[in-house]
C-alpha atoms as a PDB file:
ATOM      1  CA  MET A   1       0.048   0.060  -0.217  1.00  0.00           C
ATOM      2  CA  GLY A   2       2.853   2.577   0.811  1.00  0.00           C
ATOM      3  CA  VAL A   3       3.624   4.776   3.646  1.00  0.00           C
ATOM      4  CA  TRP A   4       1.414   7.868   2.636  1.00  0.00           C
ATOM      5  CA  PRO A   5      -1.852   5.764   1.892  1.00  0.00           C
ATOM      6  CA  ALA A   6      -1.351   4.296   5.407  1.00  0.00           C
ATOM      7  CA  ILE A   7      -0.810   7.514   7.021  1.00  0.00           C
ATOM      8  CA  ALA A   8      -3.868   8.915   5.313  1.00  0.00           C
ATOM      9  CA  ILE A   9      -6.111   5.944   6.450  1.00  0.00           C
ATOM     10  CA  ASN A  10      -4.705   6.116  10.015  1.00  0.00           C
ATOM     11  CA  THR A  11      -5.133   9.751  10.215  1.00  0.00           C
ATOM     12  CA  SER A  12      -8.720   9.539   8.952  1.00  0.00           C
ATOM     13  CA  LEU A  13      -9.628   7.009  11.662  1.00  0.00           C
ATOM     14  CA  TYR A  14      -7.742   9.156  14.405  1.00  0.00           C
ATOM     15  CA  ALA A  15      -9.720  12.202  13.194  1.00  0.00           C
ATOM     16  CA  ILE A  16     -13.288  10.330  13.026  1.00  0.00           C
ATOM     17  CA  THR A  17     -12.672   9.067  16.587  1.00  0.00           C
ATOM     18  CA  HIS A  18     -12.316  12.912  17.783  1.00  0.00           C
ATOM     19  CA  VAL A  19     -15.413  14.138  15.937  1.00  0.00           C
ATOM     20  CA  PRO A  20     -17.735  13.263  18.741  1.00  0.00           C
ATOM     21  CA  LYS A  21     -15.948  15.831  20.928  1.00  0.00           C
ATOM     22  CA  GLY A  22     -16.490  18.358  18.376  1.00  0.00           C
ATOM     23  CA  GLU A  23     -15.961  19.330  14.901  1.00  0.00           C
ATOM     24  CA  THR A  24     -12.938  21.583  15.591  1.00  0.00           C
ATOM     25  CA  GLU A  25     -11.246  18.700  17.709  1.00  0.00           C
ATOM     26  CA  GLY A  26     -11.777  16.306  14.746  1.00  0.00           C
ATOM     27  CA  ILE A  27     -10.247  18.828  12.311  1.00  0.00           C
ATOM     28  CA  GLY A  28      -7.429  19.564  14.665  1.00  0.00           C
ATOM     29  CA  ALA A  29      -6.776  15.757  15.036  1.00  0.00           C
ATOM     30  CA  ILE A  30      -5.696  15.553  11.170  1.00  0.00           C
ATOM     31  CA  PRO A  31      -2.126  17.438  11.567  1.00  0.00           C
ATOM     32  CA  LEU A  32      -1.631  15.611  15.032  1.00  0.00           C
ATOM     33  CA  GLY A  33      -2.602  12.168  13.234  1.00  0.00           C
ATOM     34  CA  VAL A  34       0.125  12.872  10.827  1.00  0.00           C
ATOM     35  CA  LEU A  35       2.564  13.730  13.136  1.00  0.00           C
ATOM     36  CA  PHE A  36       1.774  10.776  15.522  1.00  0.00           C
ATOM     37  CA  CYS A  37       2.218   8.539  12.485  1.00  0.00           C
ATOM     38  CA  LEU A  38       5.709  10.087  11.640  1.00  0.00           C
ATOM     39  CA  ILE A  39       6.805   9.771  15.196  1.00  0.00           C
ATOM     40  CA  THR A  40       5.855   6.074  15.205  1.00  0.00           C
ATOM     41  CA  LEU A  41       7.616   5.613  11.676  1.00  0.00           C
ATOM     42  CA  GLU A  42      10.797   7.289  13.013  1.00  0.00           C
ATOM     43  CA  SER A  43      10.757   5.728  16.531  1.00  0.00           C
ATOM     44  CA  GLY A  44       9.770   2.214  15.335  1.00  0.00           C
ATOM     45  CA  THR A  45       7.279   1.872  18.037  1.00  0.00           C
ATOM     46  CA  ILE A  46       3.958   3.170  18.688  1.00  0.00           C
ATOM     47  CA  TRP A  47       4.722   3.862  22.508  1.00  0.00           C
ATOM     48  CA  VAL A  48       6.251   7.100  21.789  1.00  0.00           C
ATOM     49  CA  ALA A  49       3.055   8.455  20.073  1.00  0.00           C
ATOM     50  CA  VAL A  50       0.894   6.751  22.721  1.00  0.00           C
ATOM     51  CA  LEU A  51       2.922   8.353  25.580  1.00  0.00           C
ATOM     52  CA  VAL A  52       2.782  11.859  23.925  1.00  0.00           C
ATOM     53  CA  HIS A  53      -1.108  11.609  23.359  1.00  0.00           C
ATOM     54  CA  TRP A  54      -1.524  10.527  26.992  1.00  0.00           C
ATOM     55  CA  VAL A  55       0.629  13.472  28.440  1.00  0.00           C
ATOM     56  CA  MET A  56      -1.486  15.825  26.114  1.00  0.00           C
ATOM     57  CA  SER A  57      -4.791  14.462  27.296  1.00  0.00           C
ATOM     58  CA  LEU A  58      -3.836  14.656  30.872  1.00  0.00           C
ATOM     59  CA  SER A  59      -2.476  18.167  30.612  1.00  0.00           C
ATOM     60  CA  ASN A  60      -5.514  19.279  28.870  1.00  0.00           C
ATOM     61  CA  GLU A  61      -7.783  17.798  31.537  1.00  0.00           C
ATOM     62  CA  TRP A  62      -5.662  19.257  34.501  1.00  0.00           C
ATOM     63  CA  LEU A  63      -5.509  22.728  32.851  1.00  0.00           C
ATOM     64  CA  SER A  64      -9.153  22.923  32.031  1.00  0.00           C
ATOM     65  CA  LEU A  65      -9.748  22.081  35.884  1.00  0.00           C
ATOM     66  CA  LYS A  66      -7.382  24.808  36.958  1.00  0.00           C
ATOM     67  CA  HIS A  67      -8.638  27.516  34.775  1.00  0.00           C
ATOM     68  CA  HIS A  68     -12.303  26.723  34.884  1.00  0.00           C
ATOM     69  CA  PRO A  69     -13.275  26.465  38.608  1.00  0.00           C
ATOM     70  CA  GLU A  70     -16.969  25.762  37.705  1.00  0.00           C
ATOM     71  CA  ILE A  71     -15.745  22.567  36.416  1.00  0.00           C
ATOM     72  CA  GLY A  72     -15.273  20.252  39.370  1.00  0.00           C
ATOM     73  CA  LEU A  73     -14.388  16.619  40.233  1.00  0.00           C
ATOM     74  CA  VAL A  74     -17.050  14.339  41.556  1.00  0.00           C
ATOM     75  CA  LYS A  75     -16.179  12.071  44.526  1.00  0.00           C
ATOM     76  CA  LYS A  76     -18.050   8.915  44.687  1.00  0.00           C
END
């Protein structure tokens, strides 16, 4: 198939999975999806991209909690 068609398919799937969080996030996932594919190709492992995604997710969540006091954690 080749590298670029594989990147296009992977990035499309990555973007589609982010659309439920909003159209803007789905569109923003396109360049990030390409970047994650290139990181994976360069490093030879998916774990670098997984770690970067995990760090981005946690920092986004924590910064949202910090800068929006009306958002709170629910203790069960």
